[in-house]
C-alpha cells in the first residue's frame, strides 16, 4: 500500500484525537512568557514556520519540516532527518519514527508514528492544527546499523492564531482506550527516580502490562528540556535535574496492543524526599 493510501486510512481518527487533546487545565503562565509566545506566533504571517533545533539530537537534525498552513486546515505533517554528516537518513519501514508534538506551554501532547516514504526519505502523518501557538516536535528514530540506541532530534513549528497559554496541572493518572493508567512513586530532583506503571480496566488490575520499545519522553516544562528517561517492564527510570513540573509521555503494551499515555508530575527537591 502506498504512502498516501496509508495516511488516508487513519487520518480522520488522528485529527479527531488531536482536537480532543486541548482539554488540559492548569494555571496561567507568567505574563513575560506569554508575550514571548505571542511574538513568535504573530511572526508566522503565512500560517506556519518550521525550524529544526541546531545542536540537538547527538548530531542528527530534523529537515524539510512541512505542516498545514494554519489553524483548522487539514493536511499532512512531514519531515526528514539528517545524519551527523548532513546526509538524509533513509526512511524505511525498518526504522520506526516516534514523534511527540506539544504546544510551547507543555500542553496538548500527542504521540504519533508517521509513515515512511522511501522515495523522498521523509515520514508523514495526517495533521490539523486546532489552535495557534509555538509547537515543539520531539522525534526519536529507531537505531540503524552500527547504532546502539535510538536517535533523538527536535524542531519548532510556529502556527499563527489565537490561543490561551496554560500550564497543565499535576496528573498521575490518565484514561487511555478504556484503561485507567497511573504512575506511582516519587520523582526526586538530582537523582534517578523509579516510577511504576500500573493499569486497571473496569476497576480490575490489568495483567501482562509492559513498556513499549519506544523510549519514554520526559520534559522539564519550564524549559521544555528533554531529560534522561528509560523504561523496562512496568518501571520508568527518570533523572530530573531540578525541582519543578515534568511531562512524561510513554507507550505501553497490553495483549500485544500499544497505547500512549501522558502524565504531569512535580519533582521534589532532594532534601524534601520523604517529608
C-alpha atoms as a PDB file:
ATOM      1  CA  UNK A   1       0.000   0.000   0.000  1.00  0.00           C
ATOM      2  CA  UNK A   2       1.486   3.396  -0.951  1.00  0.00           C
ATOM      3  CA  UNK A   3       2.073   6.248   1.493  1.00  0.00           C
ATOM      4  CA  UNK A   4      -0.962   8.429   0.566  1.00  0.00           C
ATOM      5  CA  UNK A   5      -3.299   5.449   0.908  1.00  0.00           C
ATOM      6  CA  UNK A   6      -1.940   4.509   4.331  1.00  0.00           C
ATOM      7  CA  UNK A   7      -2.187   8.101   5.518  1.00  0.00           C
ATOM      8  CA  UNK A   8      -5.803   8.265   4.436  1.00  0.00           C
ATOM      9  CA  UNK A   9      -6.766   5.159   6.384  1.00  0.00           C
ATOM     10  CA  UNK A  10      -6.125   6.671   9.778  1.00  0.00           C
ATOM     11  CA  UNK A  11      -6.051  10.408   9.103  1.00  0.00           C
ATOM     12  CA  UNK A  12      -9.560  11.197  10.311  1.00  0.00           C
ATOM     13  CA  UNK A  13      -9.123   9.387  13.616  1.00  0.00           C
ATOM     14  CA  UNK A  14      -5.817  11.131  14.272  1.00  0.00           C
ATOM     15  CA  UNK A  15      -7.275  14.569  13.603  1.00  0.00           C
ATOM     16  CA  UNK A  16     -10.163  13.892  15.987  1.00  0.00           C
ATOM     17  CA  UNK A  17      -7.741  12.684  18.661  1.00  0.00           C
ATOM     18  CA  UNK A  18      -5.606  15.787  18.265  1.00  0.00           C
ATOM     19  CA  UNK A  19      -8.622  18.043  18.559  1.00  0.00           C
ATOM     20  CA  UNK A  20      -9.581  16.452  21.873  1.00  0.00           C
ATOM     21  CA  UNK A  21      -6.107  16.855  23.303  1.00  0.00           C
ATOM     22  CA  UNK A  22      -6.645  20.518  24.163  1.00  0.00           C
ATOM     23  CA  UNK A  23      -8.850  19.858  27.194  1.00  0.00           C
ATOM     24  CA  UNK A  24      -5.978  20.112  29.698  1.00  0.00           C
ATOM     25  CA  UNK A  25      -6.398  22.624  32.508  1.00  0.00           C
ATOM     26  CA  UNK A  26      -3.768  24.437  34.549  1.00  0.00           C
ATOM     27  CA  UNK A  27      -2.513  27.722  35.887  1.00  0.00           C
ATOM     28  CA  UNK A  28      -1.722  30.606  33.555  1.00  0.00           C
ATOM     29  CA  UNK A  29       1.958  31.061  32.798  1.00  0.00           C
ATOM     30  CA  UNK A  30       3.825  34.310  33.653  1.00  0.00           C
ATOM     31  CA  UNK A  31       2.953  37.347  31.526  1.00  0.00           C
ATOM     32  CA  UNK A  32       6.522  37.663  30.194  1.00  0.00           C
ATOM     33  CA  UNK A  33       6.393  34.108  28.879  1.00  0.00           C
ATOM     34  CA  UNK A  34       3.001  34.696  27.258  1.00  0.00           C
ATOM     35  CA  UNK A  35       4.356  37.793  25.499  1.00  0.00           C
ATOM     36  CA  UNK A  36       7.236  35.777  24.107  1.00  0.00           C
ATOM     37  CA  UNK A  37       4.907  33.141  22.726  1.00  0.00           C
ATOM     38  CA  UNK A  38       2.657  35.805  21.204  1.00  0.00           C
ATOM     39  CA  UNK A  39       5.571  37.446  19.413  1.00  0.00           C
ATOM     40  CA  UNK A  40       6.680  34.159  17.892  1.00  0.00           C
ATOM     41  CA  UNK A  41       3.157  33.228  16.818  1.00  0.00           C
ATOM     42  CA  UNK A  42       2.487  36.641  15.245  1.00  0.00           C
ATOM     43  CA  UNK A  43       5.697  36.332  13.223  1.00  0.00           C
ATOM     44  CA  UNK A  44       4.219  33.364  11.323  1.00  0.00           C
ATOM     45  CA  UNK A  45       2.485  35.659   8.833  1.00  0.00           C
ATOM     46  CA  UNK A  46       1.852  32.971   6.249  1.00  0.00           C
ATOM     47  CA  UNK A  47       0.382  30.339   8.561  1.00  0.00           C
ATOM     48  CA  UNK A  48       3.282  28.210   9.790  1.00  0.00           C
ATOM     49  CA  UNK A  49       7.040  28.434  10.025  1.00  0.00           C
ATOM     50  CA  UNK A  50       9.228  25.470  10.973  1.00  0.00           C
ATOM     51  CA  UNK A  51      12.775  25.355  12.295  1.00  0.00           C
ATOM     52  CA  UNK A  52      14.989  22.389  13.256  1.00  0.00           C
ATOM     53  CA  UNK A  53      16.791  22.697  16.593  1.00  0.00           C
ATOM     54  CA  UNK A  54      20.504  23.148  15.880  1.00  0.00           C
ATOM     55  CA  UNK A  55      22.970  21.281  18.059  1.00  0.00           C
ATOM     56  CA  UNK A  56      20.386  18.820  19.354  1.00  0.00           C
ATOM     57  CA  UNK A  57      19.920  15.101  18.829  1.00  0.00           C
ATOM     58  CA  UNK A  58      23.509  13.850  19.067  1.00  0.00           C
ATOM     59  CA  UNK A  59      24.328  15.434  15.720  1.00  0.00           C
ATOM     60  CA  UNK A  60      21.075  14.446  13.977  1.00  0.00           C
ATOM     61  CA  UNK A  61      18.674  17.192  12.917  1.00  0.00           C
ATOM     62  CA  UNK A  62      15.146  17.422  11.565  1.00  0.00           C
ATOM     63  CA  UNK A  63      14.923  18.514   7.937  1.00  0.00           C
ATOM     64  CA  UNK A  64      12.263  19.645   5.444  1.00  0.00           C
ATOM     65  CA  UNK A  65       9.586  20.128   8.121  1.00  0.00           C
ATOM     66  CA  UNK A  66       6.275  20.792   6.385  1.00  0.00           C
ATOM     67  CA  UNK A  67       2.910  21.320   8.083  1.00  0.00           C
ATOM     68  CA  UNK A  68      -0.614  22.583   7.295  1.00  0.00           C
ATOM     69  CA  UNK A  69      -0.707  26.312   6.685  1.00  0.00           C
ATOM     70  CA  UNK A  70      -2.970  27.418   9.501  1.00  0.00           C
ATOM     71  CA  UNK A  71      -5.449  26.512  12.222  1.00  0.00           C
ATOM     72  CA  UNK A  72      -8.266  24.209  11.121  1.00  0.00           C
ATOM     73  CA  UNK A  73      -6.672  23.347   7.775  1.00  0.00           C
ATOM     74  CA  UNK A  74      -6.498  19.565   7.178  1.00  0.00           C
ATOM     75  CA  UNK A  75      -3.204  18.467   5.722  1.00  0.00           C
ATOM     76  CA  UNK A  76      -0.042  16.479   6.274  1.00  0.00           C
ATOM     77  CA  UNK A  77       2.854  16.946   8.670  1.00  0.00           C
ATOM     78  CA  UNK A  78       6.035  15.616   7.100  1.00  0.00           C
ATOM     79  CA  UNK A  79       9.732  15.778   7.879  1.00  0.00           C
ATOM     80  CA  UNK A  80      13.090  14.241   7.142  1.00  0.00           C
ATOM     81  CA  UNK A  81      16.177  13.644   9.259  1.00  0.00           C
ATOM     82  CA  UNK A  82      19.810  14.485   8.504  1.00  0.00           C
ATOM     83  CA  UNK A  83      22.593  12.377   9.989  1.00  0.00           C
ATOM     84  CA  UNK A  84      25.811  13.693  11.549  1.00  0.00           C
ATOM     85  CA  UNK A  85      27.320  14.198   8.092  1.00  0.00           C
ATOM     86  CA  UNK A  86      24.332  16.161   6.842  1.00  0.00           C
ATOM     87  CA  UNK A  87      23.034  13.355   4.625  1.00  0.00           C
ATOM     88  CA  UNK A  88      19.318  12.399   4.598  1.00  0.00           C
ATOM     89  CA  UNK A  89      18.524   9.317   6.671  1.00  0.00           C
ATOM     90  CA  UNK A  90      16.744   6.624   4.651  1.00  0.00           C
ATOM     91  CA  UNK A  91      13.048   6.447   5.514  1.00  0.00           C
ATOM     92  CA  UNK A  92      12.234   2.742   5.680  1.00  0.00           C
ATOM     93  CA  UNK A  93       9.671   0.616   7.490  1.00  0.00           C
ATOM     94  CA  UNK A  94      12.516  -0.943   9.497  1.00  0.00           C
ATOM     95  CA  UNK A  95      13.301   2.402  11.155  1.00  0.00           C
ATOM     96  CA  UNK A  96      10.244   3.462  13.139  1.00  0.00           C
ATOM     97  CA  UNK A  97       9.988   7.191  13.823  1.00  0.00           C
ATOM     98  CA  UNK A  98       8.276   8.183  17.050  1.00  0.00           C
ATOM     99  CA  UNK A  99       7.048  11.801  17.376  1.00  0.00           C
ATOM    100  CA  UNK A 100       5.784  13.660  20.420  1.00  0.00           C
ATOM    101  CA  UNK A 101       4.277  17.036  19.471  1.00  0.00           C
ATOM    102  CA  UNK A 102       3.113  19.540  22.069  1.00  0.00           C
ATOM    103  CA  UNK A 103       2.473  23.228  22.443  1.00  0.00           C
ATOM    104  CA  UNK A 104       5.174  25.508  23.821  1.00  0.00           C
ATOM    105  CA  UNK A 105       3.403  25.755  27.183  1.00  0.00           C
ATOM    106  CA  UNK A 106       3.675  21.973  27.618  1.00  0.00           C
ATOM    107  CA  UNK A 107       0.013  21.267  26.920  1.00  0.00           C
ATOM    108  CA  UNK A 108      -1.793  19.108  24.366  1.00  0.00           C
ATOM    109  CA  UNK A 109       0.892  16.444  23.828  1.00  0.00           C
ATOM    110  CA  UNK A 110       0.253  13.854  21.148  1.00  0.00           C
ATOM    111  CA  UNK A 111       2.437  10.856  20.257  1.00  0.00           C
ATOM    112  CA  UNK A 112       2.298   9.589  16.670  1.00  0.00           C
ATOM    113  CA  UNK A 113       4.203   7.197  14.403  1.00  0.00           C
ATOM    114  CA  UNK A 114       4.382   8.758  10.912  1.00  0.00           C
ATOM    115  CA  UNK A 115       4.534   6.643   7.747  1.00  0.00           C
ATOM    116  CA  UNK A 116       7.910   6.441   5.935  1.00  0.00           C
ATOM    117  CA  UNK A 117       8.229   7.341   2.256  1.00  0.00           C
ATOM    118  CA  UNK A 118      11.416   5.729   0.826  1.00  0.00           C
ATOM    119  CA  UNK A 119      11.117   7.759  -2.393  1.00  0.00           C
ATOM    120  CA  UNK A 120      11.572  11.098  -0.606  1.00  0.00           C
ATOM    121  CA  UNK A 121      13.244   9.874   2.610  1.00  0.00           C
ATOM    122  CA  UNK A 122      10.592  11.598   4.697  1.00  0.00           C
ATOM    123  CA  UNK A 123       7.983  10.488   7.218  1.00  0.00           C
ATOM    124  CA  UNK A 124       4.417  11.831   7.109  1.00  0.00           C
ATOM    125  CA  UNK A 125       1.191  11.781   9.128  1.00  0.00           C
ATOM    126  CA  UNK A 126      -2.230  13.433   8.654  1.00  0.00           C
ATOM    127  CA  UNK A 127      -2.385  16.646  10.661  1.00  0.00           C
ATOM    128  CA  UNK A 128      -4.605  19.570  11.589  1.00  0.00           C
ATOM    129  CA  UNK A 129      -3.723  22.384  13.977  1.00  0.00           C
ATOM    130  CA  UNK A 130      -6.566  23.070  16.405  1.00  0.00           C
ATOM    131  CA  UNK A 131      -5.069  26.244  17.897  1.00  0.00           C
ATOM    132  CA  UNK A 132      -2.303  28.709  17.218  1.00  0.00           C
ATOM    133  CA  UNK A 133       0.911  28.687  19.170  1.00  0.00           C
ATOM    134  CA  UNK A 134       4.519  27.610  19.186  1.00  0.00           C
ATOM    135  CA  UNK A 135       4.795  23.819  18.986  1.00  0.00           C
ATOM    136  CA  UNK A 136       7.755  21.573  19.724  1.00  0.00           C
ATOM    137  CA  UNK A 137       8.419  18.341  17.849  1.00  0.00           C
ATOM    138  CA  UNK A 138      10.467  15.694  19.636  1.00  0.00           C
ATOM    139  CA  UNK A 139      11.492  12.862  17.343  1.00  0.00           C
ATOM    140  CA  UNK A 140      13.123   9.537  18.119  1.00  0.00           C
ATOM    141  CA  UNK A 141      14.303   7.336  15.263  1.00  0.00           C
ATOM    142  CA  UNK A 142      14.858   3.607  15.800  1.00  0.00           C
ATOM    143  CA  UNK A 143      18.578   2.738  15.686  1.00  0.00           C
ATOM    144  CA  UNK A 144      20.111   1.776  12.371  1.00  0.00           C
ATOM    145  CA  UNK A 145      23.158  -0.309  11.505  1.00  0.00           C
ATOM    146  CA  UNK A 146      26.019   0.395  13.881  1.00  0.00           C
ATOM    147  CA  UNK A 147      23.844   2.351  16.321  1.00  0.00           C
ATOM    148  CA  UNK A 148      23.174   1.018  19.798  1.00  0.00           C
ATOM    149  CA  UNK A 149      20.356   3.362  20.767  1.00  0.00           C
ATOM    150  CA  UNK A 150      17.559   5.394  19.239  1.00  0.00           C
ATOM    151  CA  UNK A 151      18.430   8.701  17.589  1.00  0.00           C
ATOM    152  CA  UNK A 152      16.766  11.856  19.005  1.00  0.00           C
ATOM    153  CA  UNK A 153      16.098  15.133  17.187  1.00  0.00           C
ATOM    154  CA  UNK A 154      13.751  18.076  17.676  1.00  0.00           C
ATOM    155  CA  UNK A 155      12.280  21.131  15.992  1.00  0.00           C
ATOM    156  CA  UNK A 156       9.860  24.025  16.406  1.00  0.00           C
ATOM    157  CA  UNK A 157       6.758  24.997  14.422  1.00  0.00           C
ATOM    158  CA  UNK A 158       5.007  28.362  14.809  1.00  0.00           C
ATOM    159  CA  UNK A 159       1.306  28.351  13.928  1.00  0.00           C
ATOM    160  CA  UNK A 160      -0.444  31.706  13.534  1.00  0.00           C
ATOM    161  CA  UNK A 161      -3.662  32.070  15.523  1.00  0.00           C
ATOM    162  CA  UNK A 162      -5.168  32.812  18.907  1.00  0.00           C
ATOM    163  CA  UNK A 163      -4.677  30.613  21.950  1.00  0.00           C
ATOM    164  CA  UNK A 164      -4.657  30.844  25.731  1.00  0.00           C
ATOM    165  CA  UNK A 165      -1.377  29.570  27.226  1.00  0.00           C
ATOM    166  CA  UNK A 166      -1.770  27.282  30.217  1.00  0.00           C
ATOM    167  CA  UNK A 167       0.483  25.023  32.228  1.00  0.00           C
ATOM    168  CA  UNK A 168      -1.179  21.623  32.800  1.00  0.00           C
ATOM    169  CA  UNK A 169      -1.943  20.694  36.389  1.00  0.00           C
ATOM    170  CA  UNK A 170      -0.164  17.713  38.009  1.00  0.00           C
ATOM    171  CA  UNK A 171      -1.707  14.423  36.875  1.00  0.00           C
ATOM    172  CA  UNK A 172      -0.627  10.931  37.872  1.00  0.00           C
ATOM    173  CA  UNK A 173      -3.352   9.029  36.030  1.00  0.00           C
ATOM    174  CA  UNK A 174      -4.857   9.049  32.551  1.00  0.00           C
ATOM    175  CA  UNK A 175      -7.793   7.429  30.779  1.00  0.00           C
ATOM    176  CA  UNK A 176      -6.488   5.656  27.682  1.00  0.00           C
ATOM    177  CA  UNK A 177      -8.514   3.397  25.378  1.00  0.00           C
ATOM    178  CA  UNK A 178     -10.664   2.088  28.233  1.00  0.00           C
ATOM    179  CA  UNK A 179      -7.730   1.743  30.646  1.00  0.00           C
ATOM    180  CA  UNK A 180      -7.023   3.828  33.741  1.00  0.00           C
ATOM    181  CA  UNK A 181      -3.232   4.147  33.690  1.00  0.00           C
ATOM    182  CA  UNK A 182      -1.199   5.530  36.586  1.00  0.00           C
ATOM    183  CA  UNK A 183       2.375   6.256  37.643  1.00  0.00           C
ATOM    184  CA  UNK A 184       3.291   5.637  41.275  1.00  0.00           C
ATOM    185  CA  UNK A 185       6.471   6.613  43.091  1.00  0.00           C
ATOM    186  CA  UNK A 186       8.282   9.847  43.907  1.00  0.00           C
ATOM    187  CA  UNK A 187      10.122  11.975  41.360  1.00  0.00           C
ATOM    188  CA  UNK A 188      13.118  13.460  43.194  1.00  0.00           C
ATOM    189  CA  UNK A 189      15.375  16.105  41.682  1.00  0.00           C
ATOM    190  CA  UNK A 190      19.070  15.393  41.291  1.00  0.00           C
ATOM    191  CA  UNK A 191      18.927  11.609  41.215  1.00  0.00           C
ATOM    192  CA  UNK A 192      17.434   8.713  39.267  1.00  0.00           C
ATOM    193  CA  UNK A 193      13.844   8.040  40.320  1.00  0.00           C
ATOM    194  CA  UNK A 194      11.950   4.842  39.599  1.00  0.00           C
ATOM    195  CA  UNK A 195       8.235   5.167  38.843  1.00  0.00           C
ATOM    196  CA  UNK A 196       5.906   2.192  38.458  1.00  0.00           C
ATOM    197  CA  UNK A 197       3.340   1.996  35.677  1.00  0.00           C
ATOM    198  CA  UNK A 198       0.014   0.377  36.523  1.00  0.00           C
ATOM    199  CA  UNK A 199      -3.319  -0.031  34.753  1.00  0.00           C
ATOM    200  CA  UNK A 200      -6.896  -1.026  35.528  1.00  0.00           C
ATOM    201  CA  UNK A 201      -9.891  -1.782  33.336  1.00  0.00           C
ATOM    202  CA  UNK A 202     -13.356  -1.514  34.854  1.00  0.00           C
ATOM    203  CA  UNK A 203     -11.679  -1.449  38.259  1.00  0.00           C
ATOM    204  CA  UNK A 204      -9.756  -4.689  37.692  1.00  0.00           C
ATOM    205  CA  UNK A 205      -5.911  -4.598  37.623  1.00  0.00           C
ATOM    206  CA  UNK A 206      -4.514  -5.413  34.175  1.00  0.00           C
ATOM    207  CA  UNK A 207      -2.126  -8.359  33.988  1.00  0.00           C
ATOM    208  CA  UNK A 208       0.680  -8.511  31.454  1.00  0.00           C
ATOM    209  CA  UNK A 209       1.251  -4.756  31.320  1.00  0.00           C
ATOM    210  CA  UNK A 210       4.665  -3.891  29.860  1.00  0.00           C
ATOM    211  CA  UNK A 211       6.549  -0.927  28.458  1.00  0.00           C
ATOM    212  CA  UNK A 212       6.701  -0.489  24.691  1.00  0.00           C
ATOM    213  CA  UNK A 213      10.084  -0.448  22.919  1.00  0.00           C
ATOM    214  CA  UNK A 214       9.959   3.329  22.393  1.00  0.00           C
ATOM    215  CA  UNK A 215      11.794   5.446  24.947  1.00  0.00           C
ATOM    216  CA  UNK A 216       9.669   7.468  27.388  1.00  0.00           C
ATOM    217  CA  UNK A 217       9.919  11.202  26.823  1.00  0.00           C
ATOM    218  CA  UNK A 218      10.415  13.275  29.968  1.00  0.00           C
ATOM    219  CA  UNK A 219      10.373  17.063  29.579  1.00  0.00           C
ATOM    220  CA  UNK A 220      11.038  19.767  32.113  1.00  0.00           C
ATOM    221  CA  UNK A 221       8.079  22.081  31.479  1.00  0.00           C
ATOM    222  CA  UNK A 222       9.667  25.451  32.245  1.00  0.00           C
ATOM    223  CA  UNK A 223      12.344  24.927  29.580  1.00  0.00           C
ATOM    224  CA  UNK A 224      10.921  22.013  27.521  1.00  0.00           C
ATOM    225  CA  UNK A 225      14.255  20.274  28.021  1.00  0.00           C
ATOM    226  CA  UNK A 226      14.447  16.539  27.319  1.00  0.00           C
ATOM    227  CA  UNK A 227      15.802  14.773  30.418  1.00  0.00           C
ATOM    228  CA  UNK A 228      17.173  11.203  30.713  1.00  0.00           C
ATOM    229  CA  UNK A 229      14.420   8.555  30.816  1.00  0.00           C
ATOM    230  CA  UNK A 230      14.161   4.848  30.103  1.00  0.00           C
ATOM    231  CA  UNK A 231      11.751   2.018  30.815  1.00  0.00           C
ATOM    232  CA  UNK A 232      11.859  -1.695  31.476  1.00  0.00           C
ATOM    233  CA  UNK A 233       8.811  -3.902  32.005  1.00  0.00           C
ATOM    234  CA  UNK A 234       6.486  -1.639  34.014  1.00  0.00           C
ATOM    235  CA  UNK A 235       9.232   0.519  35.563  1.00  0.00           C
ATOM    236  CA  UNK A 236      10.123   4.011  34.323  1.00  0.00           C
ATOM    237  CA  UNK A 237      13.511   5.461  35.345  1.00  0.00           C
ATOM    238  CA  UNK A 238      13.804   9.269  35.148  1.00  0.00           C
ATOM    239  CA  UNK A 239      16.600  11.609  36.191  1.00  0.00           C
ATOM    240  CA  UNK A 240      15.111  15.040  36.906  1.00  0.00           C
ATOM    241  CA  UNK A 241      17.892  17.656  37.094  1.00  0.00           C
ATOM    242  CA  UNK A 242      15.926  20.154  39.184  1.00  0.00           C
ATOM    243  CA  UNK A 243      12.700  20.596  41.099  1.00  0.00           C
ATOM    244  CA  UNK A 244       9.668  21.578  39.038  1.00  0.00           C
ATOM    245  CA  UNK A 245       6.937  20.127  36.855  1.00  0.00           C
ATOM    246  CA  UNK A 246       7.644  17.479  34.222  1.00  0.00           C
ATOM    247  CA  UNK A 247       5.709  15.936  31.359  1.00  0.00           C
ATOM    248  CA  UNK A 248       6.162  12.176  30.997  1.00  0.00           C
ATOM    249  CA  UNK A 249       4.935  10.714  27.705  1.00  0.00           C
ATOM    250  CA  UNK A 250       5.224   6.957  27.258  1.00  0.00           C
ATOM    251  CA  UNK A 251       3.844   3.956  25.426  1.00  0.00           C
ATOM    252  CA  UNK A 252       2.774   0.674  26.999  1.00  0.00           C
ATOM    253  CA  UNK A 253       1.538  -2.675  25.731  1.00  0.00           C
ATOM    254  CA  UNK A 254      -1.327  -4.916  26.758  1.00  0.00           C
ATOM    255  CA  UNK A 255      -2.071  -8.141  24.865  1.00  0.00           C
ATOM    256  CA  UNK A 256       0.176  -7.068  22.003  1.00  0.00           C
ATOM    257  CA  UNK A 257      -1.527  -3.690  21.509  1.00  0.00           C
ATOM    258  CA  UNK A 258       0.362  -0.421  22.018  1.00  0.00           C
ATOM    259  CA  UNK A 259      -1.182   2.575  23.783  1.00  0.00           C
ATOM    260  CA  UNK A 260       0.164   6.044  24.662  1.00  0.00           C
ATOM    261  CA  UNK A 261      -0.299   7.979  27.903  1.00  0.00           C
ATOM    262  CA  UNK A 262       0.873  11.305  29.312  1.00  0.00           C
ATOM    263  CA  UNK A 263       1.404  12.375  32.905  1.00  0.00           C
ATOM    264  CA  UNK A 264       2.449  15.591  34.655  1.00  0.00           C
ATOM    265  CA  UNK A 265       4.497  15.132  37.823  1.00  0.00           C
ATOM    266  CA  UNK A 266       6.238  17.533  40.180  1.00  0.00           C
ATOM    267  CA  UNK A 267       9.848  16.719  41.056  1.00  0.00           C
ATOM    268  CA  UNK A 268      10.552  17.443  44.711  1.00  0.00           C
ATOM    269  CA  UNK A 269      13.870  18.882  45.880  1.00  0.00           C
ATOM    270  CA  UNK A 270      16.241  16.188  47.110  1.00  0.00           C
ATOM    271  CA  UNK A 271      16.231  17.486  50.685  1.00  0.00           C
ATOM    272  CA  UNK A 272      12.445  17.174  50.903  1.00  0.00           C
ATOM    273  CA  UNK A 273      12.337  13.476  49.929  1.00  0.00           C
ATOM    274  CA  UNK A 274      10.360  11.508  52.463  1.00  0.00           C
ATOM    275  CA  UNK A 275       8.840  14.616  54.026  1.00  0.00           C
END
